[in-house]
PDB file of N, CA and C in Angstrom:
ATOM      1  N   MET A   1      30.297 -38.436  55.333  1.00  0.00           N
ATOM      2  CA  MET A   1      30.846 -37.922  54.090  1.00  0.00           C
ATOM      3  C   MET A   1      30.682 -38.919  53.011  1.00  0.00           C
ATOM      4  N   ARG A   2      29.820 -38.241  51.764  1.00  0.00           N
ATOM      5  CA  ARG A   2      29.547 -38.964  50.530  1.00  0.00           C
ATOM      6  C   ARG A   2      30.940 -39.222  49.699  1.00  0.00           C
ATOM      7  N   LYS A   3      30.926 -40.407  49.097  1.00  0.00           N
ATOM      8  CA  LYS A   3      32.207 -40.532  48.400  1.00  0.00           C
ATOM      9  C   LYS A   3      31.586 -39.979  47.015  1.00  0.00           C
ATOM     10  N   GLN A   4      32.526 -39.680  46.143  1.00  0.00           N
ATOM     11  CA  GLN A   4      32.266 -39.042  44.629  1.00  0.00           C
ATOM     12  C   GLN A   4      32.214 -40.202  43.918  1.00  0.00           C
ATOM     13  N   LYS A   5      31.331 -40.133  42.979  1.00  0.00           N
ATOM     14  CA  LYS A   5      31.435 -41.275  42.048  1.00  0.00           C
ATOM     15  C   LYS A   5      32.238 -41.166  41.033  1.00  0.00           C
ATOM     16  N   PRO A   6      33.159 -42.328  40.840  1.00  0.00           N
ATOM     17  CA  PRO A   6      34.339 -42.236  40.036  1.00  0.00           C
ATOM     18  C   PRO A   6      33.960 -41.746  38.603  1.00  0.00           C
ATOM     19  N   MET A   7      35.055 -41.182  37.921  1.00  0.00           N
ATOM     20  CA  MET A   7      34.872 -40.577  36.728  1.00  0.00           C
ATOM     21  C   MET A   7      35.209 -41.581  35.895  1.00  0.00           C
ATOM     22  N   SER A   8      34.342 -41.841  34.642  1.00  0.00           N
ATOM     23  CA  SER A   8      34.430 -42.651  33.631  1.00  0.00           C
ATOM     24  C   SER A   8      35.624 -42.298  32.646  1.00  0.00           C
ATOM     25  N   PHE A   9      36.225 -43.438  32.101  1.00  0.00           N
ATOM     26  CA  PHE A   9      37.461 -42.963  31.421  1.00  0.00           C
ATOM     27  C   PHE A   9      36.990 -41.919  30.054  1.00  0.00           C
ATOM     28  N   GLU A  10      35.946 -42.146  29.565  1.00  0.00           N
ATOM     29  CA  GLU A  10      35.383 -41.301  28.567  1.00  0.00           C
ATOM     30  C   GLU A  10      35.185 -39.821  29.064  1.00  0.00           C
ATOM     31  N   ASP A  11      34.711 -39.614  30.277  1.00  0.00           N
ATOM     32  CA  ASP A  11      34.555 -38.304  31.016  1.00  0.00           C
ATOM     33  C   ASP A  11      35.897 -37.758  31.447  1.00  0.00           C
ATOM     34  N   LEU A  12      36.851 -38.577  31.750  1.00  0.00           N
ATOM     35  CA  LEU A  12      38.390 -38.136  32.135  1.00  0.00           C
ATOM     36  C   LEU A  12      38.955 -37.757  30.606  1.00  0.00           C
ATOM     37  N   LEU A  13      38.613 -38.500  29.634  1.00  0.00           N
ATOM     38  CA  LEU A  13      39.263 -38.080  28.253  1.00  0.00           C
ATOM     39  C   LEU A  13      38.728 -36.917  28.162  1.00  0.00           C
ATOM     40  N   LYS A  14      37.417 -36.742  27.951  1.00  0.00           N
ATOM     41  CA  LYS A  14      36.672 -35.260  27.452  1.00  0.00           C
ATOM     42  C   LYS A  14      37.329 -34.373  28.207  1.00  0.00           C
ATOM     43  N   ASP A  15      37.508 -34.296  29.713  1.00  0.00           N
ATOM     44  CA  ASP A  15      37.839 -33.358  30.522  1.00  0.00           C
ATOM     45  C   ASP A  15      39.240 -33.040  30.459  1.00  0.00           C
ATOM     46  N   LEU A  16      40.240 -33.793  30.042  1.00  0.00           N
ATOM     47  CA  LEU A  16      41.771 -33.561  29.674  1.00  0.00           C
ATOM     48  C   LEU A  16      41.710 -32.875  28.379  1.00  0.00           C
ATOM     49  N   GLN A  17      40.670 -33.197  27.394  1.00  0.00           N
ATOM     50  CA  GLN A  17      40.782 -32.587  25.988  1.00  0.00           C
ATOM     51  C   GLN A  17      40.141 -31.076  26.198  1.00  0.00           C
ATOM     52  N   GLY A  18      39.532 -30.593  27.343  1.00  0.00           N
ATOM     53  CA  GLY A  18      38.848 -29.366  27.621  1.00  0.00           C
ATOM     54  C   GLY A  18      37.318 -29.613  26.966  1.00  0.00           C
ATOM     55  N   GLN A  19      36.959 -30.565  26.968  1.00  0.00           N
ATOM     56  CA  GLN A  19      35.458 -30.681  26.105  1.00  0.00           C
ATOM     57  C   GLN A  19      34.393 -30.726  27.268  1.00  0.00           C
ATOM     58  N   ASN A  20      34.669 -30.593  28.437  1.00  0.00           N
ATOM     59  CA  ASN A  20      33.812 -30.449  29.502  1.00  0.00           C
ATOM     60  C   ASN A  20      33.690 -29.469  29.940  1.00  0.00           C
ATOM     61  N   GLU A  21      33.968 -28.225  29.382  1.00  0.00           N
ATOM     62  CA  GLU A  21      33.918 -26.831  29.747  1.00  0.00           C
ATOM     63  C   GLU A  21      32.355 -26.238  29.583  1.00  0.00           C
ATOM     64  N   VAL A  22      32.204 -25.345  30.239  1.00  0.00           N
ATOM     65  CA  VAL A  22      31.147 -24.524  30.301  1.00  0.00           C
ATOM     66  C   VAL A  22      30.660 -24.179  28.878  1.00  0.00           C
ATOM     67  N   PRO A  23      29.369 -24.620  28.411  1.00  0.00           N
ATOM     68  CA  PRO A  23      28.968 -24.163  27.003  1.00  0.00           C
ATOM     69  C   PRO A  23      29.142 -22.753  26.812  1.00  0.00           C
ATOM     70  N   GLU A  24      29.346 -22.325  25.506  1.00  0.00           N
ATOM     71  CA  GLU A  24      29.606 -20.933  25.247  1.00  0.00           C
ATOM     72  C   GLU A  24      28.293 -20.177  25.546  1.00  0.00           C
ATOM     73  N   ASP A  25      28.558 -18.935  25.728  1.00  0.00           N
ATOM     74  CA  ASP A  25      27.212 -18.297  25.866  1.00  0.00           C
ATOM     75  C   ASP A  25      26.565 -18.088  24.815  1.00  0.00           C
ATOM     76  N   PRO A  26      25.086 -18.385  24.820  1.00  0.00           N
ATOM     77  CA  PRO A  26      24.249 -18.142  23.394  1.00  0.00           C
ATOM     78  C   PRO A  26      24.187 -16.969  23.033  1.00  0.00           C
ATOM     79  N   ASN A  27      24.387 -15.908  23.850  1.00  0.00           N
ATOM     80  CA  ASN A  27      24.396 -14.234  23.482  1.00  0.00           C
ATOM     81  C   ASN A  27      25.741 -13.770  22.786  1.00  0.00           C
ATOM     82  N   PHE A  28      26.687 -14.905  22.838  1.00  0.00           N
ATOM     83  CA  PHE A  28      28.100 -14.148  22.457  1.00  0.00           C
ATOM     84  C   PHE A  28      28.041 -14.085  20.857  1.00  0.00           C
ATOM     85  N   VAL A  29      28.478 -12.901  20.767  1.00  0.00           N
ATOM     86  CA  VAL A  29      28.537 -12.426  19.159  1.00  0.00           C
ATOM     87  C   VAL A  29      30.048 -12.442  18.697  1.00  0.00           C
ATOM     88  N   PRO A  30      30.478 -13.042  17.580  1.00  0.00           N
ATOM     89  CA  PRO A  30      31.792 -12.962  17.422  1.00  0.00           C
ATOM     90  C   PRO A  30      32.115 -11.570  16.709  1.00  0.00           C
ATOM     91  N   LEU A  31      33.504 -11.154  17.132  1.00  0.00           N
ATOM     92  CA  LEU A  31      33.774  -9.784  16.729  1.00  0.00           C
ATOM     93  C   LEU A  31      33.680  -9.622  15.188  1.00  0.00           C
ATOM     94  N   ASP A  32      33.807 -10.330  14.205  1.00  0.00           N
ATOM     95  CA  ASP A  32      33.374  -9.842  12.964  1.00  0.00           C
ATOM     96  C   ASP A  32      32.216  -9.940  12.480  1.00  0.00           C
ATOM     97  N   LYS A  33      31.216 -10.453  13.295  1.00  0.00           N
ATOM     98  CA  LYS A  33      29.706 -10.089  13.089  1.00  0.00           C
ATOM     99  C   LYS A  33      29.401  -8.714  13.791  1.00  0.00           C
ATOM    100  N   LEU A  34      29.970  -8.562  14.961  1.00  0.00           N
ATOM    101  CA  LEU A  34      29.797  -7.246  15.717  1.00  0.00           C
ATOM    102  C   LEU A  34      30.300  -6.146  15.171  1.00  0.00           C
ATOM    103  N   PHE A  35      31.286  -6.160  14.589  1.00  0.00           N
ATOM    104  CA  PHE A  35      32.161  -5.107  14.064  1.00  0.00           C
ATOM    105  C   PHE A  35      32.083  -5.471  12.490  1.00  0.00           C
ATOM    106  N   ASN A  36      30.955  -5.911  11.809  1.00  0.00           N
ATOM    107  CA  ASN A  36      30.918  -6.069  10.598  1.00  0.00           C
ATOM    108  C   ASN A  36      31.316  -4.842   9.780  1.00  0.00           C
ATOM    109  N   GLU A  37      31.487  -5.252   8.160  1.00  0.00           N
ATOM    110  CA  GLU A  37      32.028  -4.254   7.258  1.00  0.00           C
ATOM    111  C   GLU A  37      31.024  -3.011   7.045  1.00  0.00           C
ATOM    112  N   SER A  38      29.609  -3.028   7.435  1.00  0.00           N
ATOM    113  CA  SER A  38      28.748  -2.001   7.342  1.00  0.00           C
ATOM    114  C   SER A  38      29.279  -1.003   8.527  1.00  0.00           C
ATOM    115  N   PHE A  39      29.432  -1.705   9.631  1.00  0.00           N
ATOM    116  CA  PHE A  39      29.753  -0.882  10.838  1.00  0.00           C
ATOM    117  C   PHE A  39      31.069  -0.202  10.805  1.00  0.00           C
ATOM    118  N   MET A  40      32.258  -0.957  10.461  1.00  0.00           N
ATOM    119  CA  MET A  40      33.360  -0.346  10.146  1.00  0.00           C
ATOM    120  C   MET A  40      33.571   0.632   9.413  1.00  0.00           C
ATOM    121  N   ARG A  41      32.619   0.743   8.025  1.00  0.00           N
ATOM    122  CA  ARG A  41      32.684   1.841   7.042  1.00  0.00           C
ATOM    123  C   ARG A  41      32.016   2.959   7.571  1.00  0.00           C
ATOM    124  N   LYS A  42      31.110   2.725   8.199  1.00  0.00           N
ATOM    125  CA  LYS A  42      30.176   3.727   8.818  1.00  0.00           C
ATOM    126  C   LYS A  42      31.150   4.745   9.760  1.00  0.00           C
ATOM    127  N   TYR A  43      31.913   3.841  10.716  1.00  0.00           N
ATOM    128  CA  TYR A  43      32.616   4.820  11.810  1.00  0.00           C
ATOM    129  C   TYR A  43      34.146   4.816  11.603  1.00  0.00           C
ATOM    130  N   SER A  44      34.786   4.243  10.650  1.00  0.00           N
ATOM    131  CA  SER A  44      36.153   4.411  10.457  1.00  0.00           C
ATOM    132  C   SER A  44      36.444   4.362   8.575  1.00  0.00           C
ATOM    133  N   ALA A  45      37.897   4.289   8.621  1.00  0.00           N
ATOM    134  CA  ALA A  45      38.134   4.286   7.077  1.00  0.00           C
ATOM    135  C   ALA A  45      38.342   2.807   6.758  1.00  0.00           C
ATOM    136  N   PHE A  46      38.054   1.827   7.570  1.00  0.00           N
ATOM    137  CA  PHE A  46      38.399   0.589   7.472  1.00  0.00           C
ATOM    138  C   PHE A  46      37.313  -0.421   6.853  1.00  0.00           C
ATOM    139  N   GLY A  47      37.585  -1.449   6.087  1.00  0.00           N
ATOM    140  CA  GLY A  47      36.491  -2.129   5.522  1.00  0.00           C
ATOM    141  C   GLY A  47      36.075  -3.543   6.433  1.00  0.00           C
ATOM    142  N   SER A  48      37.092  -3.435   7.570  1.00  0.00           N
ATOM    143  CA  SER A  48      36.959  -4.928   8.388  1.00  0.00           C
ATOM    144  C   SER A  48      37.444  -4.298   9.830  1.00  0.00           C
ATOM    145  N   PHE A  49      37.284  -5.207  10.887  1.00  0.00           N
ATOM    146  CA  PHE A  49      37.722  -5.067  11.974  1.00  0.00           C
ATOM    147  C   PHE A  49      39.336  -5.469  12.121  1.00  0.00           C
ATOM    148  N   ASP A  50      39.313  -6.553  11.247  1.00  0.00           N
ATOM    149  CA  ASP A  50      41.129  -6.869  11.105  1.00  0.00           C
ATOM    150  C   ASP A  50      41.956  -5.953  10.590  1.00  0.00           C
ATOM    151  N   GLU A  51      41.451  -5.142   9.649  1.00  0.00           N
ATOM    152  CA  GLU A  51      42.143  -4.089   9.125  1.00  0.00           C
ATOM    153  C   GLU A  51      42.454  -2.903  10.164  1.00  0.00           C
ATOM    154  N   PHE A  52      41.494  -2.612  11.081  1.00  0.00           N
ATOM    155  CA  PHE A  52      41.540  -1.744  11.963  1.00  0.00           C
ATOM    156  C   PHE A  52      42.444  -2.090  13.060  1.00  0.00           C
ATOM    157  N   LEU A  53      42.575  -3.498  13.432  1.00  0.00           N
ATOM    158  CA  LEU A  53      43.617  -4.019  14.346  1.00  0.00           C
ATOM    159  C   LEU A  53      45.028  -4.026  13.699  1.00  0.00           C
ATOM    160  N   GLU A  54      44.986  -4.058  12.498  1.00  0.00           N
ATOM    161  CA  GLU A  54      46.153  -4.433  11.655  1.00  0.00           C
ATOM    162  C   GLU A  54      46.932  -2.786  11.632  1.00  0.00           C
ATOM    163  N   LYS A  55      46.256  -2.124  11.716  1.00  0.00           N
ATOM    164  CA  LYS A  55      46.754  -0.544  11.407  1.00  0.00           C
ATOM    165  C   LYS A  55      47.296   0.025  12.695  1.00  0.00           C
ATOM    166  N   GLY A  56      46.750  -0.716  13.854  1.00  0.00           N
ATOM    167  CA  GLY A  56      47.309  -0.300  15.212  1.00  0.00           C
ATOM    168  C   GLY A  56      48.473  -1.509  15.639  1.00  0.00           C
ATOM    169  N   ASN A  57      48.775  -2.178  14.758  1.00  0.00           N
ATOM    170  CA  ASN A  57      49.770  -3.338  15.132  1.00  0.00           C
ATOM    171  C   ASN A  57      49.202  -4.011  16.075  1.00  0.00           C
ATOM    172  N   PHE A  58      48.074  -4.361  16.299  1.00  0.00           N
ATOM    173  CA  PHE A  58      47.558  -5.306  17.487  1.00  0.00           C
ATOM    174  C   PHE A  58      47.162  -6.918  16.735  1.00  0.00           C
ATOM    175  N   GLN A  59      47.774  -7.639  17.507  1.00  0.00           N
ATOM    176  CA  GLN A  59      47.539  -9.177  17.253  1.00  0.00           C
ATOM    177  C   GLN A  59      46.462  -9.350  18.187  1.00  0.00           C
ATOM    178  N   ALA A  60      45.236  -9.488  17.502  1.00  0.00           N
ATOM    179  CA  ALA A  60      43.979  -9.892  18.187  1.00  0.00           C
ATOM    180  C   ALA A  60      42.887 -10.653  17.671  1.00  0.00           C
ATOM    181  N   LYS A  61      42.765 -12.012  18.097  1.00  0.00           N
ATOM    182  CA  LYS A  61      41.522 -12.685  17.495  1.00  0.00           C
ATOM    183  C   LYS A  61      40.509 -12.897  18.201  1.00  0.00           C
ATOM    184  N   THR A  62      40.561 -12.561  19.308  1.00  0.00           N
ATOM    185  CA  THR A  62      39.417 -13.050  20.520  1.00  0.00           C
ATOM    186  C   THR A  62      38.968 -11.872  21.355  1.00  0.00           C
ATOM    187  N   ARG A  63      37.968 -11.646  21.920  1.00  0.00           N
ATOM    188  CA  ARG A  63      37.790 -10.795  22.885  1.00  0.00           C
ATOM    189  C   ARG A  63      38.962 -10.654  24.038  1.00  0.00           C
ATOM    190  N   GLU A  64      39.086 -11.853  24.222  1.00  0.00           N
ATOM    191  CA  GLU A  64      40.231 -12.274  25.567  1.00  0.00           C
ATOM    192  C   GLU A  64      41.505 -11.320  25.238  1.00  0.00           C
ATOM    193  N   ASP A  65      41.778 -11.734  23.762  1.00  0.00           N
ATOM    194  CA  ASP A  65      43.139 -10.836  23.198  1.00  0.00           C
ATOM    195  C   ASP A  65      43.052  -9.528  23.213  1.00  0.00           C
ATOM    196  N   ILE A  66      41.682  -8.931  22.887  1.00  0.00           N
ATOM    197  CA  ILE A  66      41.418  -7.552  22.979  1.00  0.00           C
ATOM    198  C   ILE A  66      41.605  -7.054  24.346  1.00  0.00           C
ATOM    199  N   GLN A  67      41.015  -7.564  25.406  1.00  0.00           N
ATOM    200  CA  GLN A  67      41.088  -7.331  26.665  1.00  0.00           C
ATOM    201  C   GLN A  67      42.467  -7.379  27.405  1.00  0.00           C
ATOM    202  N   ASN A  68      43.494  -8.074  26.550  1.00  0.00           N
ATOM    203  CA  ASN A  68      44.772  -8.023  27.145  1.00  0.00           C
ATOM    204  C   ASN A  68      45.622  -6.797  26.466  1.00  0.00           C
ATOM    205  N   ILE A  69      45.100  -6.073  25.662  1.00  0.00           N
ATOM    206  CA  ILE A  69      45.623  -4.855  25.161  1.00  0.00           C
ATOM    207  C   ILE A  69      45.564  -3.706  25.950  1.00  0.00           C
ATOM    208  N   PRO A  70      46.679  -3.165  26.631  1.00  0.00           N
ATOM    209  CA  PRO A  70      46.300  -1.957  27.580  1.00  0.00           C
ATOM    210  C   PRO A  70      45.575  -1.104  27.116  1.00  0.00           C
ATOM    211  N   ASP A  71      44.777  -0.809  28.044  1.00  0.00           N
ATOM    212  CA  ASP A  71      43.519   0.387  27.487  1.00  0.00           C
ATOM    213  C   ASP A  71      43.932   1.570  27.182  1.00  0.00           C
ATOM    214  N   GLU A  72      44.828   2.022  27.613  1.00  0.00           N
ATOM    215  CA  GLU A  72      45.398   3.451  27.017  1.00  0.00           C
ATOM    216  C   GLU A  72      45.929   3.316  25.515  1.00  0.00           C
ATOM    217  N   LEU A  73      46.512   2.287  25.349  1.00  0.00           N
ATOM    218  CA  LEU A  73      46.875   2.098  23.651  1.00  0.00           C
ATOM    219  C   LEU A  73      45.601   1.888  22.898  1.00  0.00           C
ATOM    220  N   PHE A  74      44.754   0.946  22.997  1.00  0.00           N
ATOM    221  CA  PHE A  74      43.787   0.718  22.601  1.00  0.00           C
ATOM    222  C   PHE A  74      42.721   1.855  22.338  1.00  0.00           C
ATOM    223  N   ASP A  75      42.396   2.575  23.623  1.00  0.00           N
ATOM    224  CA  ASP A  75      41.518   3.657  23.493  1.00  0.00           C
ATOM    225  C   ASP A  75      42.342   4.668  22.526  1.00  0.00           C
ATOM    226  N   ARG A  76      43.461   5.015  22.587  1.00  0.00           N
ATOM    227  CA  ARG A  76      44.064   5.886  21.539  1.00  0.00           C
ATOM    228  C   ARG A  76      43.933   5.447  20.229  1.00  0.00           C
ATOM    229  N   HIS A  77      44.067   4.289  19.889  1.00  0.00           N
ATOM    230  CA  HIS A  77      43.824   3.733  18.678  1.00  0.00           C
ATOM    231  C   HIS A  77      42.413   4.102  18.098  1.00  0.00           C
ATOM    232  N   VAL A  78      41.698   3.616  19.005  1.00  0.00           N
ATOM    233  CA  VAL A  78      40.190   3.813  18.654  1.00  0.00           C
ATOM    234  C   VAL A  78      39.682   5.352  18.217  1.00  0.00           C
ATOM    235  N   GLN A  79      40.288   6.287  19.172  1.00  0.00           N
ATOM    236  CA  GLN A  79      39.942   7.525  19.149  1.00  0.00           C
ATOM    237  C   GLN A  79      40.641   8.192  17.664  1.00  0.00           C
ATOM    238  N   ARG A  80      41.752   7.656  17.313  1.00  0.00           N
ATOM    239  CA  ARG A  80      42.676   8.215  16.340  1.00  0.00           C
ATOM    240  C   ARG A  80      41.913   7.586  15.351  1.00  0.00           C
ATOM    241  N   GLU A  81      41.339   6.445  14.966  1.00  0.00           N
ATOM    242  CA  GLU A  81      40.946   5.885  13.559  1.00  0.00           C
ATOM    243  C   GLU A  81      39.494   5.534  13.630  1.00  0.00           C
ATOM    244  N   THR A  82      38.515   5.810  14.611  1.00  0.00           N
ATOM    245  CA  THR A  82      37.234   5.813  14.452  1.00  0.00           C
ATOM    246  C   THR A  82      36.576   7.307  14.893  1.00  0.00           C
ATOM    247  N   SER A  83      35.448   7.108  14.846  1.00  0.00           N
ATOM    248  CA  SER A  83      34.567   8.484  15.392  1.00  0.00           C
ATOM    249  C   SER A  83      34.125   8.261  16.712  1.00  0.00           C
ATOM    250  N   PHE A  84      34.988   7.196  17.361  1.00  0.00           N
ATOM    251  CA  PHE A  84      34.583   7.160  18.775  1.00  0.00           C
ATOM    252  C   PHE A  84      35.464   7.659  19.838  1.00  0.00           C
ATOM    253  N   ALA A  85      35.302   8.044  21.176  1.00  0.00           N
ATOM    254  CA  ALA A  85      35.981   8.401  21.991  1.00  0.00           C
ATOM    255  C   ALA A  85      36.826   7.443  22.660  1.00  0.00           C
ATOM    256  N   ASP A  86      36.409   6.335  22.776  1.00  0.00           N
ATOM    257  CA  ASP A  86      37.432   5.203  23.107  1.00  0.00           C
ATOM    258  C   ASP A  86      36.764   3.732  22.984  1.00  0.00           C
ATOM    259  N   TRP A  87      37.190   2.664  23.315  1.00  0.00           N
ATOM    260  CA  TRP A  87      36.829   1.310  23.052  1.00  0.00           C
ATOM    261  C   TRP A  87      35.631   1.044  23.489  1.00  0.00           C
ATOM    262  N   GLU A  88      35.285   1.619  24.999  1.00  0.00           N
ATOM    263  CA  GLU A  88      33.895   1.383  25.316  1.00  0.00           C
ATOM    264  C   GLU A  88      32.713   1.710  24.564  1.00  0.00           C
ATOM    265  N   ALA A  89      32.972   3.117  24.121  1.00  0.00           N
ATOM    266  CA  ALA A  89      31.931   3.706  23.376  1.00  0.00           C
ATOM    267  C   ALA A  89      31.799   2.946  21.925  1.00  0.00           C
ATOM    268  N   MET A  90      32.935   2.492  21.237  1.00  0.00           N
ATOM    269  CA  MET A  90      32.767   1.641  20.171  1.00  0.00           C
ATOM    270  C   MET A  90      32.007   0.430  20.433  1.00  0.00           C
ATOM    271  N   LEU A  91      32.283  -0.280  21.391  1.00  0.00           N
ATOM    272  CA  LEU A  91      31.836  -1.433  21.923  1.00  0.00           C
ATOM    273  C   LEU A  91      30.250  -1.532  22.237  1.00  0.00           C
ATOM    274  N   ALA A  92      29.923  -0.076  22.975  1.00  0.00           N
ATOM    275  CA  ALA A  92      28.442  -0.239  23.143  1.00  0.00           C
ATOM    276  C   ALA A  92      27.842   0.191  21.954  1.00  0.00           C
ATOM    277  N   ALA A  93      28.344   0.872  20.920  1.00  0.00           N
ATOM    278  CA  ALA A  93      27.551   1.412  19.695  1.00  0.00           C
ATOM    279  C   ALA A  93      27.269   0.056  18.872  1.00  0.00           C
ATOM    280  N   SER A  94      28.568  -0.869  18.846  1.00  0.00           N
ATOM    281  CA  SER A  94      28.279  -2.024  18.007  1.00  0.00           C
ATOM    282  C   SER A  94      27.247  -3.202  18.422  1.00  0.00           C
ATOM    283  N   ASN A  95      27.088  -3.074  19.899  1.00  0.00           N
ATOM    284  CA  ASN A  95      26.377  -3.910  20.546  1.00  0.00           C
ATOM    285  C   ASN A  95      24.876  -3.442  20.163  1.00  0.00           C
ATOM    286  N   GLN A  96      24.965  -2.084  20.378  1.00  0.00           N
ATOM    287  CA  GLN A  96      23.255  -1.647  20.132  1.00  0.00           C
ATOM    288  C   GLN A  96      22.956  -1.625  18.434  1.00  0.00           C
ATOM    289  N   GLU A  97      24.019  -1.454  17.669  1.00  0.00           N
ATOM    290  CA  GLU A  97      23.412  -1.625  16.246  1.00  0.00           C
ATOM    291  C   GLU A  97      23.435  -3.107  15.778  1.00  0.00           C
ATOM    292  N   TYR A  98      24.064  -3.967  16.238  1.00  0.00           N
ATOM    293  CA  TYR A  98      24.040  -5.381  15.852  1.00  0.00           C
ATOM    294  C   TYR A  98      22.684  -5.950  15.801  1.00  0.00           C
ATOM    295  N   LYS A  99      22.366  -6.496  14.801  1.00  0.00           N
ATOM    296  CA  LYS A  99      21.328  -7.201  14.584  1.00  0.00           C
ATOM    297  C   LYS A  99      21.240  -8.561  13.859  1.00  0.00           C
ATOM    298  N   PRO A 100      20.925  -9.552  14.670  1.00  0.00           N
ATOM    299  CA  PRO A 100      21.288 -10.697  14.109  1.00  0.00           C
ATOM    300  C   PRO A 100      20.158 -11.071  13.019  1.00  0.00           C
ATOM    301  N   LYS A 101      20.779 -12.020  12.147  1.00  0.00           N
ATOM    302  CA  LYS A 101      19.777 -12.336  11.081  1.00  0.00           C
ATOM    303  C   LYS A 101      18.907 -13.496  11.659  1.00  0.00           C
ATOM    304  N   GLU A 102      17.794 -13.477  11.289  1.00  0.00           N
ATOM    305  CA  GLU A 102      16.892 -14.562  11.800  1.00  0.00           C
ATOM    306  C   GLU A 102      16.462 -15.457  10.707  1.00  0.00           C
TER     307      GLU A 102
END
């Protein structure tokens, strides 16, 4: 059995501060960029994704926050306030239309 190399104080400190986490996905697109003003105005009466969330009384800043909203509630809000049938359709369209600036 091999002994594990002891962790340096600096590595331990980084680990405790959460800095040794897996690097962010390079393909990750922030919500405000994915659901930009152009997209929101095209498919809803809102100028931003934040306005859309506020209208539904949702407190969400991250994708994880959105995933924690009950599907039925969020799908109903999407259907009522956009031209999409549900969240999955809205997300798919935004991913397809998103063009990163080069």
